[in-house]
Every structure is written in structure tokens, then in C-alpha cells.
Amino acid sequence: MKILALVLIVLLIGITAPLAAQSVCPAPILLDFARAASTCYGLEREQACVGSAFVSGTGFGGQALESFSQIGQRASINTLQHVDLQGTAFIIPLAVLNLQANLTSAEARQVTLLLIGTATLENGVQPLVERVAFALGTANLRAQPREDGEILARVGVNESIVVNGRSDNGGWLRAQLRDSNTVAWVAADVVAGDGLDALPIVAADAPVYRPFEIMTLTTGGGALCDGALTDGLLLQTPSVDTSVKVTLNGSSLELAGTFFITAESGQLTIYALDGGALLDGVYIPAGSVAVNGVVTGYPANLLPGLPLANLPTFIRVAAPLTDAQIAEAQAAYAAALAAQVAPVAEVTPVVDTTCRRFVRRDVSLYAGPGSFYEAINELQSGTTVDPIFQTTDPQGATWYQLRGSNWIPAAQVVEEGECVAVPVTANIEVPRTNRISLETCQTTNGPLRAGQSVTIQFTPPPWDNYPDARDAAIIDPGHITIGTERYRARATQPLLIAGTIGQEDERWQRQFYVLWEAVPGTFRMEGDRVSYNPICTITVPAT
């Protein structure tokens, strides 16, 4: 629904803008951007999508990837070494990449990259060689490849571990803790598996990078749309509060927000449209541009042709800053950074009193403080945890909220050392809205809660042409039954999801939905349209 609304906004702009206007791209270009948004809709993390013509991909062996050359084709970014775009006077190519970068798997969020115009993006991270090992008994995962290394986690007999390297003496195998960026080591003699001796030798302190965490950008510098746009990379992190680290063209970048980046003739230019960035230690606030590390305010009405509607999160481009405002923002950032650094006193402890909290056995993580919430993940026995809040459920049991917002029963957490009490909170906000798909029976905003405004939807198979999709809701409007109540469904506007308009390969999609205010109870939900009948049974807890 969100992507569809943004596509319609883009189309409306393209239709109503005067053809002679210099501030936006011509209508055909805007239509291409809108098609790219629908073509790459639902792109998963660590995937790339061909959004328009003149996009190609190259693998690490130097071979052209035929599976990443046609509009709508998708590929794992782990297989891509180069993404190449070659624009023309009438076509502005666009490719979409979703990176995990240094975000953890448990966060289930990504960094979105839109490569625009004549540009090349090179992946500087070689694919990891990975093997699956099985524990012969209880195996300890340690922070260092030695017997006295700190135990970070444990796995039980026959449990699997994904390993991606070995120590120089072959005695230890490197792994990564599940749903974490933490590197761990397991003794080679306590696991078994095929091909473990073929793993590459890695240093104990060598970092593990994900695809495109190290990348090189080259852009053509073309004046597109009569100067309203240029070749470049549009990048957006999950939020202005979520910092993501990458290495770009040899420079260290820490980004939180939305940015437009060009790299023409060796000159790296970063426009901070929203949020802020750190480039080799230099802070770039929203409303400024860094050219080879020198930060100034960017021009008013900056590149109005940027396809911001193709990004996951809508933003308003920040107003340009003056030199004085930039200096003030940089000073405020430096002060906030200094305040986070606590002085370290030189002491010689007799006893290690460091606070450590870890789970006593394998335990589920929940979306809220109670077992009636959705179980969304698991932690293995021995995994360290860092609670930030605690509260009690209706039965009086204490629950800890972990960084990343998941909840765990406090009774499953063991404390060692001198630990400060976890702060108590009663402010457990319930999201006002939610959405559930009858195809998957999954919600998009945690478990259903009483009082939420819930969109219940189902998506029939696509139509082969626009007239059939347009008339579908008239011929058969569809219904959704909730318990014993039957509701007439609404339908979204037709959305082109594949192919070309007027060609045999075109496919159009519509979603049918109703709005429902959730009440406690267990409900059978059924979508009804011709012979398409997805069914779910959903429980809404009383509290």
C-alpha cells in the first residue's frame, strides 16, 4: 500500500508538471522511476533488483550475470562484484540494492541503495566460504581461539554451527553468533563436518564483512533532466537513529539518514539530505555537502529530480545550512560524542566483578512482555544478554526488554558479578495499527492487540492485462469473513508488477482488504473471491 501510494504521487507529479519546467524530470522519466518502484517492490535484504533498462551485473569470476540483466530480475548481492549502469539521452537506468551491512540479523532491517544514471558500484567483499559443522557434544563458542577464551555461547550435541574460517594451526574454527555481529571460535576437535579443512586461514582479529560493506562508486557526472538530476547513489538507512558503517572509495563512512553520493573523476561528494554522517571523522549534518572531506551548505532546491519516492521511508530534504550553522552542528556533535566517553580509572582489581548476564538454557524471545505475545526468535544456552528495562506480566512474572526491543523471561537470565538493577518501566506502548496477510497469517507490526486498527488483506493471483485488473473488483468485489461477520472487501488500484504495458508479459496485481478494530478472542478469517480462499485462525489476547 505504501509503495503504491508513492508510485501514484510520482505519476501525479509527472502528469501535472509543466513540460517546460526545469525543476523535475520529464514525464517519461518519472514513469520509468514509478515502474522501477513497482518492479522492485518487496525486495528482500541482501538482494539486488534491475529496475530499468541498461543495467548489468558481473560476478566475482568476471562473468556477466545473465540472471541480472533484464528488468525485474533479482540476484543475491553476495554474487555481484559489479553493478553497471549505462544511461542514454532518453533513459536513466536505476538499480536497487538492499544491504545488511553491519546491522544484525535480529534487527530485520536493511540499508537501501538506488544506483541512478551512468554509474558503477563495485563490491569489495569477497564471498565467504562457509561450511556447516555439527557439535559432537556440548561445544563452547569463545571470544578468542584459545582454551581460556571467554565463553560467548554454547551449542548442544548435534546442533549445527556455520563456520567460515580456521586458525593457522587448524585447531579452531571461526563462526558468527546467531543474530549478532559477534565473531566466535569453536575448537575443531569438538565438531565434525564436510570440507572443514578447506576453510581459509584467518587471523584471530580479522573482521568479517558482509557484501558491499566495502564498496567503490564511480559516477558519470551527467546533467540529467536539464540539470535537475545527476548520476549517483541514493542511500537510506533504516532511520536517522540507526547508524550504519561502510567503507566507500577507501573512506570510512558512518551514516544515519538519507544521502545522495557522487564520485566523478575521483572526487567523492556526499549530500546529507536527512540525518547526518561521519566521513573519516568529519561530521556532515543534514543540509550540507562534503566534497573530498570539506563540508559546506548545499545549493537551494538541490537536485529536485531525485527519485525520493522510490525509497522505503518518505523524507523532506533538509534546508541548506550556512557555514555558521554547520560549525554549530559539528560542535554539538563533538560535545555529544565526548559526553559518551567516560573516564577510565587505572585500577588493579583483585576479583573480576564485571557484570555478565546470560541465559541459562535455550529460550524464546517474544514481541512483548508475556508468553501470549508472538515468539519471534530464540537464544541458545549461554548467550550473553543486555537488558535495558524490566516489567511484569499479568501473572506477576518479571520480563526483561533487550536491546533491539525483544523480551525475555527474567527467570531465564543468570547474573554474575556486580550488576546494577535493570530499570523498571510500565510504559509498554501498543502500536495503534497493524496489518495481517491471509496468505501467510503473519502481521507486520507485532502480534495483534485489542483496540488496534487492523488491515486484513489477501492478494489473488495477478491479472494478465490492465482492463481485467481494473474490472476485477466490479465483477467480483470479494469478501472477508471474520468469525461470523462477513464484510465486503475494498480493493487497491491495479499495480504493474511485471512486464511491459501492452505486452504479453505484463502482470497486474490488486490487494483486497477490510479495516477491523481488533477485539479479544480467537477468530477464523477467510478471504473469499471466486475460487481463491486464504484462511487464517488468529487469537487476540485480552491484555
Protein backbone atom coordinates (compact mmCIF):
# COMPACT_ATOMS: atom_id res chain seq x y z
CA MET A 1 0.00 0.00 0.00
CA LYS A 2 2.77 2.46 0.90
CA ILE A 3 4.74 1.78 -2.28
CA LEU A 4 1.55 2.05 -4.35
CA ALA A 5 0.70 5.43 -2.83
CA LEU A 6 4.19 6.73 -3.56
CA VAL A 7 4.01 5.48 -7.14
CA LEU A 8 0.71 7.33 -7.63
CA ILE A 9 2.26 10.53 -6.22
CA VAL A 10 5.16 10.24 -8.67
CA LEU A 11 2.76 9.70 -11.58
CA LEU A 12 0.66 12.68 -10.50
CA ILE A 13 3.73 14.90 -10.38
CA GLY A 14 4.78 13.72 -13.83
CA ILE A 15 1.33 14.47 -15.28
CA THR A 16 0.76 17.88 -13.72
CA ALA A 17 4.24 19.41 -14.03
CA PRO A 18 4.64 21.79 -16.98
CA LEU A 19 6.73 20.27 -19.72
CA ALA A 20 8.99 23.33 -19.78
CA ALA A 21 9.75 23.17 -16.05
CA GLN A 22 13.42 22.88 -15.17
CA SER A 23 12.92 21.52 -11.62
CA VAL A 24 11.76 17.95 -12.34
CA CYS A 25 12.39 15.18 -14.85
CA PRO A 26 10.12 14.75 -17.90
CA ALA A 27 7.03 12.58 -17.53
CA PRO A 28 8.57 9.51 -19.30
CA ILE A 29 11.48 9.52 -16.85
CA LEU A 30 9.13 9.81 -13.86
CA LEU A 31 7.09 6.93 -15.29
CA ASP A 32 10.27 4.83 -15.54
CA PHE A 33 11.04 5.59 -11.88
CA ALA A 34 7.48 4.63 -10.90
CA ARG A 35 7.76 1.36 -12.82
CA ALA A 36 11.07 0.62 -11.12
CA ALA A 37 9.37 1.07 -7.72
CA SER A 38 6.66 -1.45 -8.58
CA THR A 39 9.09 -3.82 -10.33
CA CYS A 40 11.39 -3.99 -7.29
CA TYR A 41 8.55 -3.98 -4.72
CA GLY A 42 9.11 -6.43 -1.85
CA LEU A 43 12.87 -6.72 -2.44
CA GLU A 44 14.42 -8.73 0.39
CA ARG A 45 17.52 -7.94 2.40
CA GLU A 46 20.85 -8.76 0.67
CA GLN A 47 19.16 -8.73 -2.76
CA ALA A 48 19.58 -6.51 -5.82
CA CYS A 49 16.95 -5.70 -8.45
CA VAL A 50 17.14 -4.47 -12.04
CA GLY A 51 14.72 -1.54 -12.02
CA SER A 52 15.07 -0.38 -15.63
CA ALA A 53 16.91 -0.98 -18.88
CA PHE A 54 20.69 -0.74 -19.37
CA VAL A 55 21.57 -2.40 -16.03
CA SER A 56 24.02 -5.31 -15.89
CA GLY A 57 25.85 -7.33 -13.26
CA THR A 58 29.22 -9.06 -13.13
CA GLY A 59 30.20 -11.94 -10.84
CA PHE A 60 33.47 -12.39 -8.96
CA GLY A 61 34.81 -14.59 -11.73
CA GLY A 62 34.44 -11.73 -14.20
CA GLN A 63 31.47 -13.37 -15.90
CA ALA A 64 28.38 -11.41 -16.90
CA LEU A 65 25.36 -12.50 -14.87
CA GLU A 66 22.56 -13.34 -17.30
CA SER A 67 20.21 -13.61 -14.33
CA PHE A 68 20.79 -9.90 -13.60
CA SER A 69 20.31 -8.18 -16.92
CA GLN A 70 16.57 -7.90 -17.58
CA ILE A 71 14.07 -5.55 -15.92
CA GLY A 72 12.65 -7.16 -12.76
CA GLN A 73 15.41 -9.75 -12.34
CA ARG A 74 16.81 -10.13 -8.83
CA ALA A 75 20.07 -11.55 -7.52
CA SER A 76 21.82 -12.14 -4.23
CA ILE A 77 24.25 -9.28 -3.68
CA ASN A 78 26.76 -11.88 -2.49
CA THR A 79 27.13 -12.98 -6.14
CA LEU A 80 27.67 -9.46 -7.52
CA GLN A 81 31.09 -7.87 -7.83
CA HIS A 82 29.98 -5.06 -10.13
CA VAL A 83 26.66 -3.39 -10.88
CA ASP A 84 26.97 -1.31 -14.06
CA LEU A 85 24.50 1.27 -15.40
CA GLN A 86 24.86 2.88 -18.81
CA GLY A 87 22.39 5.72 -19.38
CA THR A 88 21.27 7.34 -22.62
CA ALA A 89 19.80 10.71 -23.51
CA PHE A 90 16.30 9.33 -23.05
CA ILE A 91 16.67 6.59 -20.40
CA ILE A 92 18.01 6.95 -16.86
CA PRO A 93 18.86 3.45 -15.57
CA LEU A 94 18.06 2.52 -11.97
CA ALA A 95 19.09 -0.46 -9.84
CA VAL A 96 18.05 -1.19 -6.24
CA LEU A 97 20.19 -2.93 -3.61
CA ASN A 98 19.22 -3.84 -0.05
CA LEU A 99 22.24 -4.33 2.21
CA GLN A 100 22.51 -5.74 5.70
CA ALA A 101 25.91 -4.08 6.20
CA ASN A 102 26.74 -4.06 9.93
CA LEU A 103 23.10 -4.40 11.06
CA THR A 104 22.39 -7.61 12.96
CA SER A 105 20.14 -10.33 11.56
CA ALA A 106 17.80 -9.94 14.53
CA GLU A 107 17.07 -6.33 13.57
CA ALA A 108 15.43 -7.45 10.29
CA ARG A 109 16.20 -4.06 8.70
CA GLN A 110 18.28 -3.03 5.73
CA VAL A 111 20.11 -0.20 4.01
CA THR A 112 18.53 0.73 0.67
CA LEU A 113 20.71 1.87 -2.26
CA LEU A 114 19.38 3.34 -5.51
CA LEU A 115 22.06 3.49 -8.21
CA ILE A 116 20.99 6.09 -10.79
CA GLY A 117 22.20 7.06 -14.26
CA THR A 118 25.63 6.19 -15.65
CA ALA A 119 27.36 4.63 -12.66
CA THR A 120 29.24 1.58 -11.40
CA LEU A 121 29.18 0.13 -7.90
CA GLU A 122 31.86 -2.43 -7.02
CA ASN A 123 31.53 -4.91 -4.15
CA GLY A 124 34.85 -5.06 -2.30
CA VAL A 125 33.89 -8.05 -0.11
CA GLN A 126 34.76 -11.47 -1.44
CA PRO A 127 32.06 -14.13 -0.80
CA LEU A 128 32.60 -16.00 2.45
CA VAL A 129 33.50 -19.69 2.24
CA GLU A 130 31.03 -21.28 4.66
CA ARG A 131 30.60 -24.83 5.91
CA VAL A 132 28.20 -26.44 8.36
CA ALA A 133 29.71 -28.17 11.40
CA PHE A 134 27.84 -30.34 13.93
CA ALA A 135 28.71 -30.43 17.62
CA LEU A 136 29.88 -33.86 18.84
CA GLY A 137 28.87 -32.85 22.37
CA THR A 138 28.29 -29.57 24.20
CA ALA A 139 30.53 -27.08 22.39
CA ASN A 140 31.65 -23.71 23.71
CA LEU A 141 31.84 -20.71 21.38
CA ARG A 142 34.65 -18.50 22.66
CA ALA A 143 35.69 -14.89 22.05
CA GLN A 144 39.27 -15.92 21.18
CA PRO A 145 40.72 -19.10 19.63
CA ARG A 146 42.15 -20.43 22.89
CA GLU A 147 41.01 -22.64 25.76
CA ASP A 148 40.71 -19.77 28.26
CA GLY A 149 38.78 -17.51 25.87
CA GLU A 150 35.54 -16.02 27.21
CA ILE A 151 32.55 -18.28 26.52
CA LEU A 152 30.03 -16.32 24.48
CA ALA A 153 27.55 -19.14 23.81
CA ARG A 154 27.13 -22.91 23.90
CA VAL A 155 25.57 -25.38 21.49
CA GLY A 156 24.32 -28.86 22.31
CA VAL A 157 25.12 -32.22 20.76
CA ASN A 158 24.29 -32.48 17.02
CA GLU A 159 23.42 -28.77 16.83
CA SER A 160 24.74 -27.06 13.70
CA ILE A 161 27.23 -24.18 13.54
CA VAL A 162 28.01 -22.23 10.36
CA VAL A 163 31.79 -21.71 10.22
CA ASN A 164 33.74 -19.54 7.76
CA GLY A 165 37.43 -19.80 8.61
CA ARG A 166 40.09 -21.63 10.64
CA SER A 167 43.11 -20.69 12.72
CA ASP A 168 46.61 -21.06 11.27
CA ASN A 169 47.19 -24.26 13.27
CA GLY A 170 43.81 -25.71 12.28
CA GLY A 171 42.76 -26.15 15.91
CA TRP A 172 39.93 -23.61 15.88
CA LEU A 173 37.09 -22.72 13.53
CA ARG A 174 35.61 -19.24 13.21
CA ALA A 175 31.85 -18.70 13.40
CA GLN A 176 29.47 -15.80 13.95
CA LEU A 177 26.93 -15.81 16.76
CA ARG A 178 23.38 -16.22 15.54
CA ASP A 179 21.54 -12.87 15.10
CA SER A 180 24.68 -11.00 16.08
CA ASN A 181 27.80 -9.43 14.57
CA THR A 182 29.99 -11.08 17.22
CA VAL A 183 32.75 -13.37 15.97
CA ALA A 184 33.25 -16.57 17.96
CA TRP A 185 35.60 -19.57 17.83
CA VAL A 186 34.92 -23.27 18.40
CA ALA A 187 37.54 -25.99 18.90
CA ALA A 188 37.86 -28.10 15.74
CA ASP A 189 38.01 -31.37 17.72
CA VAL A 190 34.52 -30.93 19.20
CA VAL A 191 32.75 -30.60 15.83
CA ALA A 192 32.50 -32.59 12.61
CA GLY A 193 31.52 -31.69 9.06
CA ASP A 194 32.46 -31.94 5.40
CA GLY A 195 35.11 -29.66 3.95
CA LEU A 196 36.20 -28.06 7.23
CA ASP A 197 39.89 -28.49 6.33
CA ALA A 198 39.29 -26.48 3.14
CA LEU A 199 38.22 -23.35 5.02
CA PRO A 200 40.58 -20.39 4.54
CA ILE A 201 43.05 -19.49 7.28
CA VAL A 202 42.03 -16.24 9.00
CA ALA A 203 43.63 -14.12 11.71
CA ALA A 204 42.05 -14.07 15.16
CA ASP A 205 41.34 -10.35 14.93
CA ALA A 206 40.28 -10.27 11.26
CA PRO A 207 36.84 -8.64 10.84
CA VAL A 208 34.01 -10.33 8.97
CA TYR A 209 32.36 -8.12 6.36
CA ARG A 210 29.06 -8.56 4.58
CA PRO A 211 28.51 -7.84 0.86
CA PHE A 212 29.06 -4.19 -0.14
CA GLU A 213 30.22 -3.15 3.36
CA ILE A 214 33.33 -2.19 1.39
CA MET A 215 32.45 -0.67 -1.98
CA THR A 216 33.72 1.62 -4.72
CA LEU A 217 31.43 4.04 -6.54
CA THR A 218 32.10 5.63 -9.92
CA THR A 219 29.61 8.07 -11.47
CA GLY A 220 29.47 9.77 -14.85
CA GLY A 221 28.53 13.27 -13.75
CA GLY A 222 25.86 13.75 -16.40
CA ALA A 223 23.45 16.69 -16.18
CA LEU A 224 20.20 14.73 -16.36
CA CYS A 225 16.68 16.16 -16.62
CA ASP A 226 18.12 19.53 -17.67
CA GLY A 227 20.25 19.67 -14.54
CA ALA A 228 17.55 18.52 -12.10
CA LEU A 229 19.41 15.24 -11.54
CA THR A 230 22.86 13.76 -11.95
CA ASP A 231 24.35 10.26 -11.90
CA GLY A 232 24.85 8.97 -8.38
CA LEU A 233 23.89 6.78 -5.45
CA LEU A 234 20.83 7.48 -3.28
CA LEU A 235 21.31 5.75 0.10
CA GLN A 236 18.91 5.45 3.04
CA THR A 237 19.48 3.75 6.41
CA PRO A 238 16.52 2.39 8.42
CA SER A 239 16.21 5.68 10.37
CA VAL A 240 18.13 8.77 11.47
CA ASP A 241 18.72 6.96 14.79
CA THR A 242 20.22 3.84 13.17
CA SER A 243 23.89 4.20 12.35
CA VAL A 244 25.38 2.07 9.57
CA LYS A 245 29.10 1.78 8.82
CA VAL A 246 30.57 1.19 5.36
CA THR A 247 33.83 1.86 3.57
CA LEU A 248 33.26 3.85 0.36
CA ASN A 249 36.07 4.64 -2.09
CA GLY A 250 38.57 4.00 0.69
CA SER A 251 36.90 6.37 3.16
CA SER A 252 35.26 5.33 6.42
CA LEU A 253 31.58 6.32 6.44
CA GLU A 254 29.09 6.17 9.30
CA LEU A 255 25.62 7.09 8.08
CA ALA A 256 22.23 7.61 9.73
CA GLY A 257 19.57 9.02 7.41
CA THR A 258 19.30 9.68 3.67
CA PHE A 259 22.18 10.73 1.41
CA PHE A 260 23.00 11.32 -2.25
CA ILE A 261 26.55 10.44 -3.26
CA THR A 262 28.55 11.04 -6.43
CA ALA A 263 32.09 10.02 -7.32
CA GLU A 264 33.22 11.71 -10.51
CA SER A 265 36.89 11.78 -11.53
CA GLY A 266 38.00 10.67 -8.06
CA GLN A 267 36.03 13.39 -6.27
CA LEU A 268 33.71 11.95 -3.58
CA THR A 269 30.71 14.19 -2.90
CA ILE A 270 28.15 13.40 -0.17
CA TYR A 271 24.91 15.34 0.20
CA ALA A 272 23.26 14.84 3.61
CA LEU A 273 19.54 15.15 2.81
CA ASP A 274 18.32 13.90 6.20
CA GLY A 275 20.08 12.81 9.41
CA GLY A 276 23.87 13.03 9.46
CA ALA A 277 27.09 11.23 8.52
CA LEU A 278 30.67 10.87 9.68
CA LEU A 279 33.28 10.82 6.89
CA ASP A 280 36.76 9.89 8.13
CA GLY A 281 35.91 11.60 11.43
CA VAL A 282 34.33 14.73 9.87
CA TYR A 283 30.65 15.27 10.74
CA ILE A 284 28.27 16.10 7.85
CA PRO A 285 24.93 17.42 9.16
CA ALA A 286 21.68 17.39 7.16
CA GLY A 287 21.59 20.42 4.87
CA SER A 288 25.28 20.24 3.93
CA VAL A 289 27.54 18.63 1.35
CA ALA A 290 31.04 17.19 1.78
CA VAL A 291 33.36 17.45 -1.24
CA ASN A 292 36.55 15.50 -0.64
CA GLY A 293 36.01 16.00 3.11
CA VAL A 294 35.30 19.76 3.01
CA VAL A 295 31.79 20.49 4.36
CA THR A 296 29.67 23.41 3.11
CA GLY A 297 25.96 24.14 2.67
CA TYR A 298 24.47 22.66 -0.48
CA PRO A 299 22.50 24.74 -3.05
CA ALA A 300 18.85 25.61 -2.54
CA ASN A 301 16.39 23.42 -4.49
CA LEU A 302 19.02 20.68 -4.60
CA LEU A 303 18.55 18.17 -7.47
CA PRO A 304 14.73 18.17 -7.47
CA GLY A 305 14.70 15.22 -9.87
CA LEU A 306 15.97 12.76 -7.22
CA PRO A 307 13.55 9.75 -7.08
CA LEU A 308 12.95 10.05 -3.33
CA ALA A 309 9.57 8.34 -3.73
CA ASN A 310 11.41 5.10 -4.55
CA LEU A 311 12.93 4.98 -1.05
CA PRO A 312 11.30 2.92 1.74
CA THR A 313 10.81 5.97 4.00
CA PHE A 314 9.48 9.33 2.84
CA ILE A 315 11.66 12.30 3.78
CA ARG A 316 11.71 16.05 3.31
CA VAL A 317 15.07 17.28 2.10
CA ALA A 318 16.69 19.46 4.75
CA ALA A 319 17.09 23.18 4.07
CA PRO A 320 20.64 24.28 3.20
CA LEU A 321 22.83 25.27 6.16
CA THR A 322 25.10 28.27 6.42
CA ASP A 323 28.76 27.88 7.36
CA ALA A 324 27.93 29.10 10.87
CA GLN A 325 25.12 26.56 11.24
CA ILE A 326 27.43 23.77 10.04
CA ALA A 327 30.08 24.75 12.59
CA GLU A 328 27.44 24.81 15.32
CA ALA A 329 26.12 21.37 14.34
CA GLN A 330 29.65 19.92 14.24
CA ALA A 331 30.44 21.37 17.67
CA ALA A 332 27.21 19.93 19.10
CA TYR A 333 28.06 16.51 17.65
CA ALA A 334 31.57 16.59 19.09
CA ALA A 335 30.20 17.58 22.52
CA ALA A 336 27.64 14.77 22.48
CA LEU A 337 30.36 12.31 21.48
CA ALA A 338 32.67 13.48 24.27
CA ALA A 339 29.86 13.16 26.83
CA GLN A 340 29.53 9.48 25.95
CA VAL A 341 33.18 8.77 26.74
CA ALA A 342 33.52 8.03 30.46
CA PRO A 343 36.97 8.44 32.05
CA VAL A 344 38.65 5.13 32.80
CA ALA A 345 40.40 4.92 36.16
CA GLU A 346 43.51 2.79 36.35
CA VAL A 347 42.81 0.12 38.96
CA THR A 348 44.12 -3.29 39.70
CA PRO A 349 41.09 -5.43 40.53
CA VAL A 350 41.61 -8.31 42.88
CA VAL A 351 38.41 -10.04 41.82
CA ASP A 352 36.63 -9.73 38.48
CA THR A 353 33.30 -8.13 39.40
CA THR A 354 32.25 -7.35 35.82
CA CYS A 355 28.52 -7.75 35.39
CA ARG A 356 27.61 -10.56 33.00
CA ARG A 357 24.11 -11.69 32.18
CA PHE A 358 23.46 -14.80 30.08
CA VAL A 359 20.62 -17.26 29.50
CA ARG A 360 20.68 -20.49 31.49
CA ARG A 361 19.15 -22.61 28.68
CA ASP A 362 17.73 -22.27 25.18
CA VAL A 363 14.93 -19.70 25.41
CA SER A 364 12.46 -17.94 23.11
CA LEU A 365 12.34 -14.17 22.61
CA TYR A 366 8.91 -12.53 22.45
CA ALA A 367 7.49 -9.40 20.82
CA GLY A 368 6.22 -8.20 24.22
CA PRO A 369 6.46 -8.91 27.97
CA GLY A 370 4.43 -12.14 28.14
CA SER A 371 4.24 -15.60 26.60
CA PHE A 372 0.97 -14.63 24.92
CA TYR A 373 2.94 -12.34 22.61
CA GLU A 374 4.43 -13.65 19.38
CA ALA A 375 7.60 -15.75 19.75
CA ILE A 376 9.88 -14.14 17.17
CA ASN A 377 13.36 -15.55 17.82
CA GLU A 378 15.47 -17.85 20.00
CA LEU A 379 18.64 -17.56 22.06
CA GLN A 380 20.85 -20.55 22.75
CA SER A 381 22.08 -21.55 26.18
CA GLY A 382 25.00 -19.42 27.37
CA THR A 383 24.26 -16.43 25.12
CA THR A 384 25.04 -13.09 26.77
CA VAL A 385 22.19 -10.57 27.03
CA ASP A 386 21.93 -6.86 27.87
CA PRO A 387 18.56 -5.94 29.45
CA ILE A 388 17.58 -2.27 29.27
CA PHE A 389 14.15 -2.37 31.01
CA GLN A 390 12.05 -4.73 33.11
CA THR A 391 8.32 -5.05 33.76
CA THR A 392 5.83 -7.68 34.95
CA ASP A 393 3.14 -9.58 33.04
CA PRO A 394 -0.46 -10.06 34.31
CA GLN A 395 0.65 -13.20 36.20
CA GLY A 396 3.34 -11.26 38.08
CA ALA A 397 6.34 -12.76 36.26
CA THR A 398 9.23 -10.38 35.52
CA TRP A 399 10.33 -9.80 31.92
CA TYR A 400 13.45 -8.08 30.54
CA GLN A 401 13.47 -5.99 27.37
CA LEU A 402 16.72 -6.46 25.44
CA ARG A 403 18.44 -4.03 23.11
CA GLY A 404 16.63 -4.50 19.82
CA SER A 405 13.23 -4.44 21.62
CA ASN A 406 12.72 -8.20 22.14
CA TRP A 407 11.56 -9.54 25.53
CA ILE A 408 12.79 -12.49 27.59
CA PRO A 409 11.63 -14.03 30.91
CA ALA A 410 13.89 -12.69 33.67
CA ALA A 411 13.85 -16.12 35.33
CA GLN A 412 15.89 -17.47 32.39
CA VAL A 413 18.70 -14.94 32.88
CA VAL A 414 21.70 -15.69 35.12
CA GLU A 415 23.70 -12.80 36.62
CA GLU A 416 27.39 -12.92 37.53
CA GLY A 417 29.47 -10.14 39.06
CA GLU A 418 28.17 -6.84 40.38
CA CYS A 419 25.17 -5.84 38.26
CA VAL A 420 23.15 -2.65 38.51
CA ALA A 421 19.42 -3.30 38.81
CA VAL A 422 17.58 -3.21 35.49
CA PRO A 423 15.31 -0.11 35.37
CA VAL A 424 11.59 -0.78 35.80
CA THR A 425 9.15 0.57 33.23
CA ALA A 426 5.39 0.48 32.88
CA ASN A 427 5.33 2.29 29.54
CA ILE A 428 4.72 -0.59 27.15
CA GLU A 429 3.09 1.08 24.19
CA VAL A 430 0.79 -0.90 21.93
CA PRO A 431 1.03 0.05 18.24
CA ARG A 432 -2.18 1.72 17.08
CA THR A 433 -2.27 -0.04 13.73
CA ASN A 434 -1.39 -3.45 12.36
CA ARG A 435 -1.68 -5.43 9.14
CA ILE A 436 -2.19 -9.15 8.54
CA SER A 437 -1.84 -11.13 5.33
CA LEU A 438 -4.27 -14.03 4.92
CA GLU A 439 -1.69 -15.77 2.70
CA THR A 440 0.91 -16.01 5.47
CA CYS A 441 -1.17 -15.37 8.63
CA GLN A 442 1.68 -13.04 9.64
CA THR A 443 1.38 -9.49 10.93
CA THR A 444 3.66 -6.58 10.07
CA ASN A 445 3.58 -4.78 13.44
CA GLY A 446 3.92 -7.49 16.07
CA PRO A 447 1.05 -9.61 17.41
CA LEU A 448 -2.49 -8.32 17.19
CA ARG A 449 -3.66 -6.40 20.26
CA ALA A 450 -7.13 -5.42 21.33
CA GLY A 451 -8.03 -1.92 20.16
CA GLN A 452 -5.68 -1.88 17.18
CA SER A 453 -6.93 -0.74 13.79
CA VAL A 454 -6.08 -3.79 11.67
CA THR A 455 -5.92 -4.03 7.88
CA ILE A 456 -6.78 -7.61 6.89
CA GLN A 457 -5.77 -8.30 3.30
CA PHE A 458 -5.35 -11.00 0.70
CA THR A 459 -3.76 -10.90 -2.75
CA PRO A 460 -5.28 -13.08 -5.52
CA PRO A 461 -3.15 -14.27 -8.44
CA PRO A 462 -2.17 -11.43 -10.84
CA TRP A 463 -4.10 -10.48 -13.96
CA ASP A 464 -2.64 -10.60 -17.48
CA ASN A 465 -3.76 -7.12 -18.52
CA TYR A 466 -4.91 -3.81 -17.09
CA PRO A 467 -8.60 -3.98 -18.15
CA ASP A 468 -9.08 -7.32 -16.38
CA ALA A 469 -7.39 -5.99 -13.24
CA ARG A 470 -9.37 -2.74 -13.41
CA ASP A 471 -12.75 -4.51 -13.72
CA ALA A 472 -11.97 -7.28 -11.24
CA ALA A 473 -13.41 -5.51 -8.20
CA ILE A 474 -16.61 -4.72 -10.13
CA ILE A 475 -17.14 -8.25 -11.42
CA ASP A 476 -16.33 -9.86 -8.09
CA PRO A 477 -15.66 -7.39 -5.23
CA GLY A 478 -14.66 -10.15 -2.81
CA HIS A 479 -15.42 -10.57 0.88
CA ILE A 480 -13.55 -11.20 4.10
CA THR A 481 -15.22 -13.15 6.91
CA ILE A 482 -14.08 -12.54 10.50
CA GLY A 483 -15.63 -15.07 12.83
CA THR A 484 -19.33 -14.99 11.91
CA GLU A 485 -19.29 -11.48 10.37
CA ARG A 486 -18.90 -11.12 6.60
CA TYR A 487 -17.53 -7.86 5.19
CA ARG A 488 -17.38 -6.61 1.62
CA ALA A 489 -13.73 -6.05 0.71
CA ARG A 490 -12.15 -2.94 -0.73
CA ALA A 491 -9.55 -3.19 -3.48
CA THR A 492 -6.36 -1.24 -4.13
CA GLN A 493 -5.73 0.28 -7.54
CA PRO A 494 -4.09 -2.04 -10.13
CA LEU A 495 -0.30 -2.15 -9.83
CA LEU A 496 2.01 -3.30 -12.62
CA ILE A 497 4.31 -5.87 -11.00
CA ALA A 498 6.00 -7.40 -14.06
CA GLY A 499 6.39 -6.98 -17.79
CA THR A 500 5.63 -4.03 -20.05
CA ILE A 501 2.27 -2.35 -20.57
CA GLY A 502 0.61 -3.66 -23.73
CA GLN A 503 2.88 -6.70 -23.98
CA GLU A 504 2.08 -10.36 -23.30
CA ASP A 505 4.35 -10.47 -20.26
CA GLU A 506 2.53 -7.75 -18.30
CA ARG A 507 1.12 -8.70 -14.90
CA TRP A 508 -1.17 -6.57 -12.71
CA GLN A 509 -1.86 -7.05 -9.01
CA ARG A 510 -4.59 -5.83 -6.65
CA GLN A 511 -5.00 -6.40 -2.93
CA PHE A 512 -8.41 -6.88 -1.32
CA TYR A 513 -8.79 -5.71 2.27
CA VAL A 514 -11.02 -4.63 5.11
CA LEU A 515 -10.37 -2.48 8.19
CA TRP A 516 -11.19 -4.06 11.54
CA GLU A 517 -10.84 -2.92 15.14
CA ALA A 518 -9.34 -5.87 16.99
CA VAL A 519 -11.19 -7.26 19.99
CA PRO A 520 -10.10 -10.10 22.29
CA GLY A 521 -10.86 -13.64 21.15
CA THR A 522 -9.97 -16.30 18.60
CA PHE A 523 -11.21 -15.66 15.07
CA ARG A 524 -11.32 -17.61 11.84
CA MET A 525 -10.55 -15.18 9.00
CA GLU A 526 -11.30 -16.12 5.40
CA GLY A 527 -10.79 -14.24 2.15
CA ASP A 528 -13.39 -15.04 -0.49
CA ARG A 529 -13.02 -14.27 -4.15
CA VAL A 530 -14.10 -16.71 -6.90
CA SER A 531 -12.06 -19.84 -6.08
CA TYR A 532 -9.39 -18.03 -4.06
CA ASN A 533 -9.95 -18.59 -0.32
CA PRO A 534 -6.97 -17.98 2.01
CA ILE A 535 -7.82 -18.80 5.65
CA CYS A 536 -6.19 -17.92 8.99
CA THR A 537 -7.07 -18.51 12.63
CA ILE A 538 -5.90 -15.62 14.82
CA THR A 539 -6.01 -15.07 18.58
CA VAL A 540 -6.16 -11.56 20.04
CA PRO A 541 -5.15 -11.66 23.74
CA ALA A 542 -7.32 -9.96 26.33
CA THR A 543 -4.43 -7.84 27.60
